[in-house]
N, C-alpha and C. Protein backbone atom coordinates (compact mmCIF):
# COMPACT_ATOMS: atom_id res chain seq x y z
N MET A 1 37.81 16.51 -6.14
CA MET A 1 38.53 15.76 -7.15
C MET A 1 38.66 16.65 -8.38
N PRO A 2 39.86 16.83 -8.88
CA PRO A 2 40.03 17.66 -10.07
C PRO A 2 39.32 17.04 -11.28
N PRO A 3 38.69 17.85 -12.12
CA PRO A 3 37.95 17.31 -13.26
C PRO A 3 38.80 16.50 -14.23
N ALA A 4 40.10 16.79 -14.31
CA ALA A 4 40.96 16.08 -15.26
C ALA A 4 41.43 14.73 -14.74
N LEU A 5 41.18 14.44 -13.47
CA LEU A 5 41.62 13.18 -12.87
C LEU A 5 40.54 12.11 -13.06
N ALA A 6 40.92 10.99 -13.64
CA ALA A 6 39.98 9.89 -13.84
C ALA A 6 39.67 9.22 -12.50
N LEU A 7 38.42 8.87 -12.30
CA LEU A 7 38.00 8.22 -11.06
C LEU A 7 38.82 6.96 -10.81
N GLU A 8 39.05 6.18 -11.84
CA GLU A 8 39.83 4.95 -11.70
C GLU A 8 41.22 5.23 -11.13
N GLU A 9 41.87 6.29 -11.59
CA GLU A 9 43.19 6.65 -11.09
C GLU A 9 43.12 7.10 -9.63
N LEU A 10 42.12 7.89 -9.29
CA LEU A 10 41.94 8.34 -7.91
C LEU A 10 41.78 7.15 -6.97
N VAL A 11 40.94 6.20 -7.34
CA VAL A 11 40.71 5.02 -6.50
C VAL A 11 41.99 4.20 -6.39
N ARG A 12 42.72 4.05 -7.48
CA ARG A 12 43.97 3.30 -7.45
C ARG A 12 44.96 3.93 -6.46
N VAL A 13 45.11 5.25 -6.52
CA VAL A 13 46.04 5.95 -5.63
C VAL A 13 45.58 5.86 -4.18
N LEU A 14 44.29 6.08 -3.94
CA LEU A 14 43.77 5.99 -2.57
C LEU A 14 43.97 4.60 -1.98
N LYS A 15 43.63 3.56 -2.75
CA LYS A 15 43.79 2.20 -2.25
C LYS A 15 45.26 1.88 -1.98
N SER A 16 46.12 2.30 -2.86
CA SER A 16 47.55 2.03 -2.71
C SER A 16 48.11 2.72 -1.46
N ASN A 17 47.83 4.01 -1.32
CA ASN A 17 48.35 4.76 -0.18
C ASN A 17 47.75 4.27 1.14
N PHE A 18 46.46 3.99 1.16
CA PHE A 18 45.84 3.53 2.39
C PHE A 18 46.36 2.14 2.76
N SER A 19 46.53 1.27 1.78
CA SER A 19 47.06 -0.08 2.05
C SER A 19 48.43 0.01 2.70
N ARG A 20 49.28 0.86 2.15
CA ARG A 20 50.62 1.05 2.70
C ARG A 20 50.54 1.56 4.14
N TRP A 21 49.68 2.55 4.37
CA TRP A 21 49.52 3.13 5.71
C TRP A 21 49.00 2.11 6.71
N VAL A 22 47.93 1.39 6.36
CA VAL A 22 47.30 0.48 7.32
C VAL A 22 48.24 -0.67 7.66
N LYS A 23 49.04 -1.11 6.71
CA LYS A 23 50.00 -2.19 6.98
C LYS A 23 51.14 -1.69 7.86
N ARG A 24 51.62 -0.48 7.59
CA ARG A 24 52.73 0.07 8.36
C ARG A 24 52.29 0.52 9.76
N GLU A 25 51.21 1.30 9.84
CA GLU A 25 50.79 1.90 11.10
C GLU A 25 49.94 0.97 11.98
N LYS A 26 49.17 0.12 11.37
CA LYS A 26 48.25 -0.73 12.14
C LYS A 26 48.67 -2.19 12.15
N GLY A 27 49.72 -2.53 11.40
CA GLY A 27 50.20 -3.90 11.37
C GLY A 27 49.20 -4.88 10.76
N ALA A 28 48.34 -4.39 9.90
CA ALA A 28 47.31 -5.23 9.29
C ALA A 28 47.88 -5.92 8.05
N ARG A 29 48.69 -6.93 8.27
CA ARG A 29 49.38 -7.61 7.16
C ARG A 29 48.41 -8.33 6.23
N GLY A 30 47.30 -8.81 6.74
CA GLY A 30 46.34 -9.53 5.93
C GLY A 30 45.31 -8.63 5.25
N PHE A 31 45.49 -7.31 5.37
CA PHE A 31 44.53 -6.37 4.80
C PHE A 31 44.50 -6.47 3.28
N ALA A 32 43.30 -6.47 2.71
CA ALA A 32 43.16 -6.50 1.24
C ALA A 32 41.86 -5.79 0.86
N TRP A 33 41.86 -5.17 -0.29
CA TRP A 33 40.67 -4.50 -0.81
C TRP A 33 39.82 -5.47 -1.59
N GLN A 34 38.54 -5.20 -1.66
CA GLN A 34 37.67 -5.94 -2.57
C GLN A 34 38.04 -5.52 -3.99
N THR A 35 37.60 -6.26 -4.99
CA THR A 35 38.00 -5.96 -6.36
C THR A 35 37.28 -4.75 -6.95
N GLY A 36 36.07 -4.50 -6.56
CA GLY A 36 35.31 -3.41 -7.18
C GLY A 36 35.20 -2.20 -6.28
N TYR A 37 34.51 -1.20 -6.78
CA TYR A 37 34.25 0.00 -6.00
C TYR A 37 33.07 0.74 -6.62
N ALA A 38 32.51 1.63 -5.84
CA ALA A 38 31.44 2.49 -6.33
C ALA A 38 31.78 3.90 -5.88
N ALA A 39 31.37 4.87 -6.65
CA ALA A 39 31.63 6.26 -6.29
C ALA A 39 30.37 7.08 -6.54
N TYR A 40 30.10 7.99 -5.62
CA TYR A 40 28.93 8.85 -5.72
C TYR A 40 29.34 10.26 -5.39
N SER A 41 28.78 11.20 -6.08
CA SER A 41 29.07 12.60 -5.75
C SER A 41 28.13 13.05 -4.63
N VAL A 42 28.57 14.06 -3.90
CA VAL A 42 27.80 14.60 -2.79
C VAL A 42 27.77 16.11 -2.97
N SER A 43 26.59 16.69 -2.87
CA SER A 43 26.49 18.14 -2.97
C SER A 43 27.11 18.80 -1.75
N HIS A 44 27.58 20.01 -1.93
CA HIS A 44 28.18 20.75 -0.82
C HIS A 44 27.21 20.86 0.36
N SER A 45 25.95 21.04 0.06
CA SER A 45 24.97 21.19 1.13
C SER A 45 24.76 19.90 1.94
N SER A 46 25.17 18.76 1.40
CA SER A 46 25.04 17.49 2.11
C SER A 46 26.34 17.02 2.74
N ALA A 47 27.42 17.74 2.53
CA ALA A 47 28.74 17.30 2.99
C ALA A 47 28.79 17.06 4.49
N ALA A 48 28.21 17.92 5.30
CA ALA A 48 28.24 17.76 6.76
C ALA A 48 27.50 16.48 7.18
N ALA A 49 26.38 16.21 6.57
CA ALA A 49 25.61 15.01 6.91
C ALA A 49 26.38 13.75 6.51
N VAL A 50 27.07 13.79 5.38
CA VAL A 50 27.86 12.64 4.93
C VAL A 50 29.04 12.43 5.88
N ALA A 51 29.71 13.49 6.27
CA ALA A 51 30.83 13.38 7.21
C ALA A 51 30.36 12.79 8.54
N LYS A 52 29.20 13.22 9.02
CA LYS A 52 28.62 12.69 10.26
C LYS A 52 28.33 11.19 10.11
N TYR A 53 27.77 10.81 8.97
CA TYR A 53 27.48 9.40 8.71
C TYR A 53 28.77 8.57 8.76
N ILE A 54 29.82 9.07 8.12
CA ILE A 54 31.09 8.34 8.10
C ILE A 54 31.63 8.16 9.51
N LEU A 55 31.59 9.22 10.30
CA LEU A 55 32.09 9.15 11.67
C LEU A 55 31.30 8.18 12.54
N GLU A 56 30.02 8.03 12.27
CA GLU A 56 29.15 7.20 13.09
C GLU A 56 28.80 5.86 12.48
N GLN A 57 29.42 5.51 11.34
CA GLN A 57 28.97 4.31 10.64
C GLN A 57 29.25 3.01 11.40
N GLU A 58 30.30 2.95 12.21
CA GLU A 58 30.55 1.72 12.97
C GLU A 58 29.37 1.42 13.90
N GLU A 59 28.91 2.43 14.61
CA GLU A 59 27.75 2.25 15.49
C GLU A 59 26.49 1.96 14.67
N TYR A 60 26.29 2.69 13.59
CA TYR A 60 25.11 2.52 12.74
C TYR A 60 25.02 1.09 12.23
N HIS A 61 26.16 0.52 11.81
CA HIS A 61 26.15 -0.82 11.22
C HIS A 61 26.05 -1.93 12.26
N ARG A 62 25.95 -1.58 13.53
CA ARG A 62 25.61 -2.57 14.54
C ARG A 62 24.12 -2.90 14.48
N HIS A 63 23.34 -2.02 13.86
CA HIS A 63 21.89 -2.17 13.83
C HIS A 63 21.35 -2.54 12.45
N ILE A 64 22.09 -2.22 11.41
CA ILE A 64 21.66 -2.55 10.05
C ILE A 64 22.90 -2.98 9.27
N LEU A 65 22.79 -4.09 8.57
CA LEU A 65 23.92 -4.58 7.77
C LEU A 65 24.20 -3.63 6.61
N PHE A 66 25.47 -3.49 6.28
CA PHE A 66 25.84 -2.66 5.15
C PHE A 66 25.12 -3.10 3.89
N GLN A 67 25.03 -4.42 3.67
CA GLN A 67 24.38 -4.93 2.46
C GLN A 67 22.93 -4.47 2.38
N GLU A 68 22.23 -4.49 3.49
CA GLU A 68 20.84 -4.04 3.52
C GLU A 68 20.76 -2.53 3.22
N GLU A 69 21.63 -1.78 3.84
CA GLU A 69 21.65 -0.34 3.64
C GLU A 69 21.96 0.01 2.18
N TYR A 70 22.92 -0.69 1.61
CA TYR A 70 23.34 -0.39 0.23
C TYR A 70 22.22 -0.69 -0.77
N LEU A 71 21.56 -1.83 -0.61
CA LEU A 71 20.45 -2.15 -1.51
C LEU A 71 19.32 -1.13 -1.38
N GLU A 72 19.04 -0.69 -0.16
CA GLU A 72 18.02 0.34 0.07
C GLU A 72 18.41 1.65 -0.61
N PHE A 73 19.68 2.00 -0.52
CA PHE A 73 20.20 3.21 -1.18
C PHE A 73 19.99 3.13 -2.69
N LEU A 74 20.32 1.99 -3.28
CA LEU A 74 20.15 1.82 -4.73
C LEU A 74 18.68 1.95 -5.12
N LYS A 75 17.82 1.30 -4.37
CA LYS A 75 16.38 1.36 -4.66
C LYS A 75 15.84 2.78 -4.50
N LYS A 76 16.19 3.44 -3.41
CA LYS A 76 15.71 4.79 -3.12
C LYS A 76 16.10 5.76 -4.23
N ASN A 77 17.29 5.57 -4.79
CA ASN A 77 17.80 6.47 -5.82
C ASN A 77 17.56 5.96 -7.24
N LYS A 78 16.75 4.90 -7.34
CA LYS A 78 16.35 4.33 -8.63
C LYS A 78 17.56 3.99 -9.50
N ILE A 79 18.56 3.39 -8.86
CA ILE A 79 19.76 2.94 -9.56
C ILE A 79 19.56 1.46 -9.90
N GLU A 80 19.60 1.16 -11.18
CA GLU A 80 19.42 -0.23 -11.60
C GLU A 80 20.65 -1.04 -11.22
N TYR A 81 20.42 -2.28 -10.81
CA TYR A 81 21.54 -3.14 -10.42
C TYR A 81 21.15 -4.60 -10.60
N ASP A 82 22.16 -5.43 -10.67
CA ASP A 82 21.98 -6.88 -10.70
C ASP A 82 22.76 -7.40 -9.50
N GLU A 83 22.06 -7.92 -8.53
CA GLU A 83 22.70 -8.32 -7.27
C GLU A 83 23.80 -9.36 -7.47
N ARG A 84 23.77 -10.09 -8.58
CA ARG A 84 24.83 -11.07 -8.85
C ARG A 84 26.19 -10.41 -8.98
N PHE A 85 26.19 -9.12 -9.38
CA PHE A 85 27.46 -8.44 -9.62
C PHE A 85 27.85 -7.48 -8.49
N ILE A 86 27.02 -7.35 -7.47
CA ILE A 86 27.32 -6.43 -6.39
C ILE A 86 28.27 -7.07 -5.38
N TRP A 87 27.98 -8.25 -4.95
CA TRP A 87 28.72 -8.84 -3.84
C TRP A 87 29.85 -9.75 -4.29
N GLY A 88 29.90 -10.07 -5.60
CA GLY A 88 31.01 -10.83 -6.20
C GLY A 88 31.37 -12.04 -5.47
């Protein structure tokens, strides 16, 4: 991501382009994004592990709910949160 690009703009463009693609290519007319988002940076040395996680996440989430995984991630990384505002 270029340093001059605001995260909010990047997310807006990604959501817009992906929405257009998924509706056109996959016929997902009822597709909609959630209202919020979160973004985290990844070091170059962790990029391969993150890519592997993304490729395997469908199988992974058959065994652990995303919500459980996300709360564990926040706790592990000592990120303060209020659960009332996470799931909206």
